[in-house]
Amino acid sequence: MQIYVRWILTLVAAFAEIPAAAGNDGFLDTERAIKNVKEGKRQLQILDEWATQKSDQVERMQSRVAELTQQLNAQRTIASPEVIRKLENDLLQAQRAHEDAGRAFQSDVDSKRRELISVVVTRVRTVTGEYAVANGFDAIFLIDGQPLVYMAEGADITDEVILIYDRQYPLD
């Protein structure tokens, strides 16, 4: 019995030491940092302007699909079967072209986004690492899309990283 008591006391003592030995961890919301540093804001604005220009083609195709749908609905009861088949075929081709253009547009937007913010992402990670070393952090975890049960208010270093980033990499 005495052995069990000593063993339990040893375990309690060991577990009591764990929080004291645990390191200083921080958390970074990379997406928020990228969206809020001045360079990130500028790059995302460039992306938005670029995407707006490119989306015109997709919108024209969508309008063509709507136009063909209206024509088909208007002609369904009065046109010959051949005319209806041709309209249905034209509509199907327009829908496919619109869907293909939409997928290509989304792929282009994703590619352009990666291109425009890749430098910002690299710099955010560099600034975060430097901040962690300078402030004695043992680890920095990314909270992007990860469910957290609890995070102490002071553990989120995102705002500090944003401030340091903007000082280190000012816009011209």
Foldseek 3Di string as FASTA:
>chain_A
DVVVVVVVVVVVVVVVCVVVPDFQEAEEALVVLLCQAPLSVVLVVVLVVVLVVLCVVLVVLVVVLVVLVVVLVVCVVPPDPVVNVVSVVVNVVSVVVSVVSVVVSVVVSVVSSCVSCVVVSVLLVVLVVVVCVVVGGPYYYYCHVPDDPDDDPVRYCSVVSSVVSCVVDPDD
